[in-house]
N, C-alpha and C. Protein backbone atom coordinates (compact mmCIF):
# COMPACT_ATOMS: atom_id res chain seq x y z
N MET A 1 77.40 -58.08 126.94
CA MET A 1 78.43 -59.03 126.57
C MET A 1 78.30 -60.24 127.50
N VAL A 2 78.34 -61.42 126.91
CA VAL A 2 78.23 -62.66 127.68
C VAL A 2 79.41 -63.55 127.32
N ASP A 3 80.09 -64.09 128.31
CA ASP A 3 81.22 -64.99 128.09
C ASP A 3 82.27 -64.40 127.15
N GLY A 4 82.49 -63.10 127.23
CA GLY A 4 83.50 -62.47 126.39
C GLY A 4 83.07 -62.29 124.94
N ARG A 5 81.80 -62.61 124.61
CA ARG A 5 81.30 -62.44 123.24
C ARG A 5 80.36 -61.25 123.18
N LEU A 6 80.28 -60.65 122.02
CA LEU A 6 79.36 -59.54 121.84
C LEU A 6 77.92 -60.04 121.87
N ASP A 7 77.03 -59.20 122.35
CA ASP A 7 75.61 -59.54 122.34
C ASP A 7 75.14 -59.64 120.89
N PRO A 8 74.17 -60.53 120.61
CA PRO A 8 73.68 -60.64 119.24
C PRO A 8 72.96 -59.36 118.81
N LEU A 9 73.04 -59.09 117.52
CA LEU A 9 72.38 -57.90 116.98
C LEU A 9 70.87 -58.11 116.94
N ARG A 10 70.14 -57.07 117.19
CA ARG A 10 68.69 -57.11 117.04
C ARG A 10 68.39 -56.46 115.70
N PHE A 11 67.80 -57.23 114.79
CA PHE A 11 67.56 -56.73 113.44
C PHE A 11 66.23 -56.01 113.31
N GLU A 12 65.29 -56.30 114.18
CA GLU A 12 63.98 -55.68 114.03
C GLU A 12 63.41 -55.35 115.40
N VAL A 13 62.96 -54.15 115.57
CA VAL A 13 62.29 -53.72 116.79
C VAL A 13 60.92 -53.21 116.37
N ASP A 14 59.87 -53.83 116.87
CA ASP A 14 58.51 -53.48 116.48
C ASP A 14 57.98 -52.39 117.40
N LYS A 15 58.01 -51.14 116.92
CA LYS A 15 57.52 -50.02 117.73
C LYS A 15 56.18 -49.49 117.22
N PHE A 16 55.88 -49.72 115.96
CA PHE A 16 54.73 -49.05 115.36
C PHE A 16 53.82 -50.02 114.62
N SER A 17 53.66 -51.27 115.09
CA SER A 17 52.82 -52.21 114.37
C SER A 17 51.37 -51.75 114.39
N GLN A 18 50.67 -52.07 113.31
CA GLN A 18 49.27 -51.71 113.20
C GLN A 18 48.57 -52.72 112.31
N GLN A 19 47.29 -52.93 112.53
CA GLN A 19 46.50 -53.78 111.66
C GLN A 19 46.27 -53.05 110.34
N VAL A 20 46.36 -53.77 109.24
CA VAL A 20 46.18 -53.16 107.92
C VAL A 20 45.11 -53.93 107.17
N SER A 21 44.16 -53.21 106.61
CA SER A 21 43.14 -53.80 105.76
C SER A 21 43.41 -53.35 104.33
N LEU A 22 43.80 -54.29 103.46
CA LEU A 22 44.13 -53.92 102.08
C LEU A 22 42.90 -53.40 101.34
N GLY A 23 41.70 -53.82 101.77
CA GLY A 23 40.48 -53.31 101.16
C GLY A 23 40.26 -51.84 101.47
N GLN A 24 40.62 -51.42 102.67
CA GLN A 24 40.40 -50.04 103.09
C GLN A 24 41.63 -49.16 102.85
N THR A 25 42.83 -49.73 102.97
CA THR A 25 44.06 -48.94 102.81
C THR A 25 45.02 -49.68 101.88
N PRO A 26 44.75 -49.63 100.56
CA PRO A 26 45.59 -50.38 99.61
C PRO A 26 46.89 -49.69 99.21
N SER A 27 47.22 -48.57 99.82
CA SER A 27 48.44 -47.84 99.46
C SER A 27 49.36 -47.72 100.66
N PHE A 28 50.64 -47.87 100.41
CA PHE A 28 51.67 -47.69 101.45
C PHE A 28 52.52 -46.51 101.04
N CYS A 29 52.78 -45.62 101.99
CA CYS A 29 53.59 -44.44 101.71
C CYS A 29 54.64 -44.29 102.81
N ASN A 30 55.85 -43.93 102.42
CA ASN A 30 56.90 -43.61 103.38
C ASN A 30 56.75 -42.12 103.68
N ASP A 31 56.15 -41.81 104.81
CA ASP A 31 55.86 -40.44 105.20
C ASP A 31 56.99 -39.93 106.09
N GLY A 32 58.07 -39.47 105.47
CA GLY A 32 59.20 -38.96 106.23
C GLY A 32 59.88 -39.99 107.10
N GLY A 33 59.91 -41.24 106.65
CA GLY A 33 60.56 -42.31 107.39
C GLY A 33 59.58 -43.12 108.25
N ARG A 34 58.34 -42.77 108.23
CA ARG A 34 57.32 -43.49 109.01
C ARG A 34 56.32 -44.12 108.05
N ALA A 35 55.98 -45.38 108.28
CA ALA A 35 55.05 -46.09 107.42
C ALA A 35 53.65 -45.53 107.57
N ALA A 36 52.97 -45.36 106.44
CA ALA A 36 51.58 -44.90 106.46
C ALA A 36 50.81 -45.72 105.44
N CYS A 37 49.75 -46.41 105.90
CA CYS A 37 48.87 -47.14 105.01
C CYS A 37 47.64 -46.27 104.78
N LEU A 38 47.37 -45.97 103.52
CA LEU A 38 46.37 -44.96 103.18
C LEU A 38 45.32 -45.51 102.23
N ALA A 39 44.13 -44.90 102.24
CA ALA A 39 43.06 -45.26 101.32
C ALA A 39 43.42 -44.81 99.91
N SER A 40 44.09 -43.67 99.79
CA SER A 40 44.55 -43.17 98.49
C SER A 40 45.87 -42.43 98.70
N LEU A 41 46.62 -42.33 97.63
CA LEU A 41 47.94 -41.67 97.72
C LEU A 41 47.77 -40.17 97.86
N PRO A 42 48.69 -39.51 98.57
CA PRO A 42 48.65 -38.05 98.69
C PRO A 42 48.78 -37.38 97.32
N HIS A 43 48.27 -36.18 97.20
CA HIS A 43 48.34 -35.41 95.95
C HIS A 43 49.80 -35.27 95.50
N GLY A 44 50.05 -35.58 94.25
CA GLY A 44 51.39 -35.45 93.68
C GLY A 44 52.29 -36.64 93.89
N VAL A 45 51.82 -37.68 94.59
CA VAL A 45 52.64 -38.87 94.81
C VAL A 45 52.17 -39.97 93.88
N ALA A 46 53.06 -40.44 93.02
CA ALA A 46 52.73 -41.53 92.10
C ALA A 46 53.32 -42.82 92.66
N PRO A 47 52.60 -43.94 92.53
CA PRO A 47 53.15 -45.19 93.07
C PRO A 47 54.39 -45.63 92.30
N LEU A 48 55.34 -46.20 93.02
CA LEU A 48 56.54 -46.75 92.39
C LEU A 48 56.19 -48.02 91.63
N ALA A 49 56.89 -48.25 90.55
CA ALA A 49 56.81 -49.54 89.87
C ALA A 49 57.81 -50.45 90.57
N PRO A 50 57.52 -51.74 90.71
CA PRO A 50 58.50 -52.64 91.32
C PRO A 50 59.84 -52.55 90.59
N ALA A 51 60.92 -52.55 91.34
CA ALA A 51 62.25 -52.46 90.74
C ALA A 51 62.54 -53.74 89.97
N ALA A 52 63.13 -53.59 88.82
CA ALA A 52 63.48 -54.74 87.99
C ALA A 52 64.83 -55.28 88.43
N THR A 53 64.96 -56.60 88.40
CA THR A 53 66.27 -57.19 88.72
C THR A 53 67.10 -57.25 87.45
N THR A 54 68.41 -57.18 87.63
CA THR A 54 69.31 -57.27 86.48
C THR A 54 70.32 -58.38 86.75
N SER A 55 70.53 -59.20 85.76
CA SER A 55 71.46 -60.32 85.92
C SER A 55 72.92 -59.87 85.88
N ASP A 56 73.18 -58.64 85.42
CA ASP A 56 74.57 -58.19 85.34
C ASP A 56 75.04 -57.47 86.60
N LEU A 57 74.19 -57.40 87.62
CA LEU A 57 74.59 -56.79 88.88
C LEU A 57 75.45 -57.80 89.65
N ALA A 58 76.73 -57.52 89.78
CA ALA A 58 77.65 -58.43 90.47
C ALA A 58 78.10 -57.79 91.76
N VAL A 59 77.63 -58.31 92.89
CA VAL A 59 78.04 -57.82 94.19
C VAL A 59 78.34 -59.02 95.08
N GLY A 60 79.08 -58.79 96.12
CA GLY A 60 79.36 -59.87 97.06
C GLY A 60 80.55 -60.71 96.65
N VAL A 61 80.64 -61.89 97.26
CA VAL A 61 81.75 -62.81 97.04
C VAL A 61 81.19 -64.13 96.54
N GLU A 62 81.82 -64.69 95.52
CA GLU A 62 81.40 -66.00 95.02
C GLU A 62 81.96 -67.09 95.93
N HIS A 63 81.15 -68.11 96.21
CA HIS A 63 81.58 -69.27 96.99
C HIS A 63 81.38 -70.51 96.15
N PRO A 64 82.37 -71.41 96.10
CA PRO A 64 82.20 -72.63 95.30
C PRO A 64 81.11 -73.52 95.90
N VAL A 65 80.32 -74.12 95.02
CA VAL A 65 79.22 -74.99 95.43
C VAL A 65 79.58 -76.42 95.08
N SER A 66 79.41 -77.33 96.06
CA SER A 66 79.75 -78.73 95.84
C SER A 66 78.64 -79.47 95.10
N GLY A 67 77.44 -78.95 95.17
CA GLY A 67 76.33 -79.59 94.48
C GLY A 67 75.01 -79.16 95.06
N VAL A 68 73.95 -79.70 94.48
CA VAL A 68 72.60 -79.42 94.93
C VAL A 68 72.20 -80.48 95.94
N ILE A 69 71.85 -80.06 97.16
CA ILE A 69 71.47 -80.99 98.22
C ILE A 69 70.00 -81.40 98.08
N GLY A 70 69.16 -80.45 97.74
CA GLY A 70 67.74 -80.74 97.62
C GLY A 70 67.03 -79.70 96.79
N VAL A 71 65.92 -80.11 96.17
CA VAL A 71 65.10 -79.22 95.37
C VAL A 71 63.65 -79.49 95.73
N LYS A 72 62.86 -78.41 95.92
CA LYS A 72 61.45 -78.61 96.20
C LYS A 72 60.66 -77.44 95.63
N PRO A 73 59.46 -77.72 95.12
CA PRO A 73 58.61 -76.63 94.64
C PRO A 73 58.03 -75.86 95.82
N THR A 74 57.96 -74.55 95.70
CA THR A 74 57.38 -73.70 96.74
C THR A 74 56.41 -72.72 96.10
N PRO A 75 55.24 -73.24 95.64
CA PRO A 75 54.27 -72.36 95.01
C PRO A 75 53.79 -71.29 96.00
N PRO A 76 53.51 -70.11 95.59
CA PRO A 76 53.55 -69.60 94.23
C PRO A 76 54.89 -68.96 93.87
N TYR A 77 55.95 -69.25 94.65
CA TYR A 77 57.22 -68.55 94.49
C TYR A 77 58.18 -69.20 93.51
N GLY A 78 57.98 -70.46 93.17
CA GLY A 78 58.90 -71.13 92.24
C GLY A 78 59.53 -72.34 92.88
N VAL A 79 60.75 -72.63 92.50
CA VAL A 79 61.47 -73.81 92.98
C VAL A 79 62.57 -73.37 93.94
N GLU A 80 62.65 -74.03 95.08
CA GLU A 80 63.67 -73.74 96.08
C GLU A 80 64.77 -74.79 95.97
N ALA A 81 66.01 -74.34 95.87
CA ALA A 81 67.14 -75.26 95.78
C ALA A 81 68.07 -75.03 96.97
N GLN A 82 68.47 -76.11 97.63
CA GLN A 82 69.44 -76.03 98.72
C GLN A 82 70.78 -76.47 98.17
N LEU A 83 71.79 -75.59 98.31
CA LEU A 83 73.11 -75.85 97.76
C LEU A 83 74.09 -76.22 98.86
N GLY A 84 75.06 -77.06 98.53
CA GLY A 84 76.14 -77.40 99.45
C GLY A 84 77.35 -76.56 99.10
N PHE A 85 77.97 -75.96 100.11
CA PHE A 85 79.16 -75.15 99.87
C PHE A 85 80.41 -76.02 99.93
N ALA A 86 81.37 -75.72 99.07
CA ALA A 86 82.63 -76.47 99.05
C ALA A 86 83.72 -75.70 99.78
N ALA A 87 83.33 -74.76 100.63
CA ALA A 87 84.31 -73.95 101.36
C ALA A 87 84.16 -74.20 102.86
N ASP A 88 85.24 -73.99 103.59
CA ASP A 88 85.20 -74.12 105.04
C ASP A 88 84.54 -72.91 105.69
N LEU A 89 84.59 -71.78 105.01
CA LEU A 89 84.07 -70.53 105.56
C LEU A 89 83.33 -69.78 104.47
N ALA A 90 82.13 -69.33 104.78
CA ALA A 90 81.37 -68.48 103.88
C ALA A 90 81.20 -67.13 104.56
N ALA A 91 81.63 -66.06 103.90
CA ALA A 91 81.57 -64.72 104.49
C ALA A 91 80.64 -63.85 103.66
N TYR A 92 79.78 -63.15 104.35
CA TYR A 92 78.83 -62.26 103.68
C TYR A 92 79.05 -60.84 104.19
N ALA A 93 79.64 -60.03 103.35
CA ALA A 93 79.90 -58.64 103.73
C ALA A 93 78.61 -57.83 103.62
N PRO A 94 78.46 -56.80 104.44
CA PRO A 94 77.25 -55.97 104.33
C PRO A 94 77.24 -55.23 102.99
N LEU A 95 76.04 -55.01 102.47
CA LEU A 95 75.87 -54.29 101.21
C LEU A 95 75.12 -53.00 101.48
N TRP A 96 75.53 -51.92 100.80
CA TRP A 96 74.75 -50.69 100.86
C TRP A 96 73.44 -50.96 100.14
N VAL A 97 72.35 -50.57 100.72
CA VAL A 97 71.04 -50.85 100.12
C VAL A 97 70.74 -49.78 99.08
N THR A 98 70.83 -50.20 97.83
CA THR A 98 70.42 -49.36 96.72
C THR A 98 69.15 -49.97 96.14
N ARG A 99 68.47 -49.27 95.29
CA ARG A 99 67.26 -49.80 94.65
C ARG A 99 67.56 -51.09 93.90
N ASP A 100 68.70 -51.14 93.19
CA ASP A 100 69.07 -52.33 92.42
C ASP A 100 69.39 -53.52 93.32
N ILE A 101 70.15 -53.30 94.39
CA ILE A 101 70.51 -54.40 95.29
C ILE A 101 69.26 -54.92 96.00
N ALA A 102 68.38 -54.03 96.44
CA ALA A 102 67.13 -54.47 97.08
C ALA A 102 66.31 -55.31 96.11
N ALA A 103 66.23 -54.91 94.85
CA ALA A 103 65.47 -55.66 93.84
C ALA A 103 66.02 -57.07 93.66
N THR A 104 67.32 -57.24 93.82
CA THR A 104 67.93 -58.55 93.71
C THR A 104 67.34 -59.53 94.72
N PHE A 105 66.89 -59.00 95.87
CA PHE A 105 66.29 -59.82 96.91
C PHE A 105 64.76 -59.77 96.86
N GLY A 106 64.19 -59.24 95.77
CA GLY A 106 62.74 -59.17 95.63
C GLY A 106 62.10 -58.05 96.43
N ILE A 107 62.87 -57.03 96.75
CA ILE A 107 62.39 -55.93 97.59
C ILE A 107 62.37 -54.64 96.77
N THR A 108 61.31 -53.84 96.94
CA THR A 108 61.27 -52.51 96.36
C THR A 108 61.54 -51.51 97.47
N ARG A 109 62.59 -50.75 97.33
CA ARG A 109 62.97 -49.77 98.34
C ARG A 109 62.04 -48.57 98.24
N VAL A 110 61.44 -48.19 99.36
CA VAL A 110 60.49 -47.08 99.40
C VAL A 110 61.10 -45.97 100.25
N LYS A 111 61.64 -44.96 99.58
CA LYS A 111 62.29 -43.85 100.28
C LYS A 111 61.23 -42.85 100.77
N PRO A 112 61.60 -41.94 101.68
CA PRO A 112 60.64 -40.93 102.12
C PRO A 112 60.04 -40.18 100.93
N GLY A 113 58.71 -40.08 100.93
CA GLY A 113 57.98 -39.44 99.84
C GLY A 113 57.57 -40.39 98.74
N ASP A 114 58.04 -41.64 98.77
CA ASP A 114 57.64 -42.66 97.79
C ASP A 114 56.43 -43.43 98.31
N ALA A 115 55.75 -44.10 97.39
CA ALA A 115 54.58 -44.90 97.76
C ALA A 115 54.47 -46.11 96.85
N VAL A 116 53.77 -47.14 97.31
CA VAL A 116 53.49 -48.34 96.52
C VAL A 116 52.04 -48.75 96.75
N ARG A 117 51.45 -49.35 95.73
CA ARG A 117 50.12 -49.95 95.87
C ARG A 117 50.32 -51.37 96.37
N LEU A 118 49.58 -51.75 97.38
CA LEU A 118 49.69 -53.10 97.94
C LEU A 118 48.74 -54.05 97.26
């Protein structure tokens, strides 16, 4: 604690980094909570398909937008838009990470025993 404030949260701690060659290890597997990059998937493990996003998933809080501040292309990802908020305070509550919510952010959740092709 500094100056009566809580210490900032650490979101990522790198304990197990490793070099990965997609040519030699094109598969990623969650081996009991530990990342494993493999040449081939273990017997009986099928790769996950990327999770599909759904437009009807409504989570979080809506904030009024005053307008678009800027737009720029960001290939190969699409167009990036910067929005202006019309509120004095924007609050983002934590979300439980489900497969659907992760897909909303372009992430495929890989649970223990799951695998993906890279």
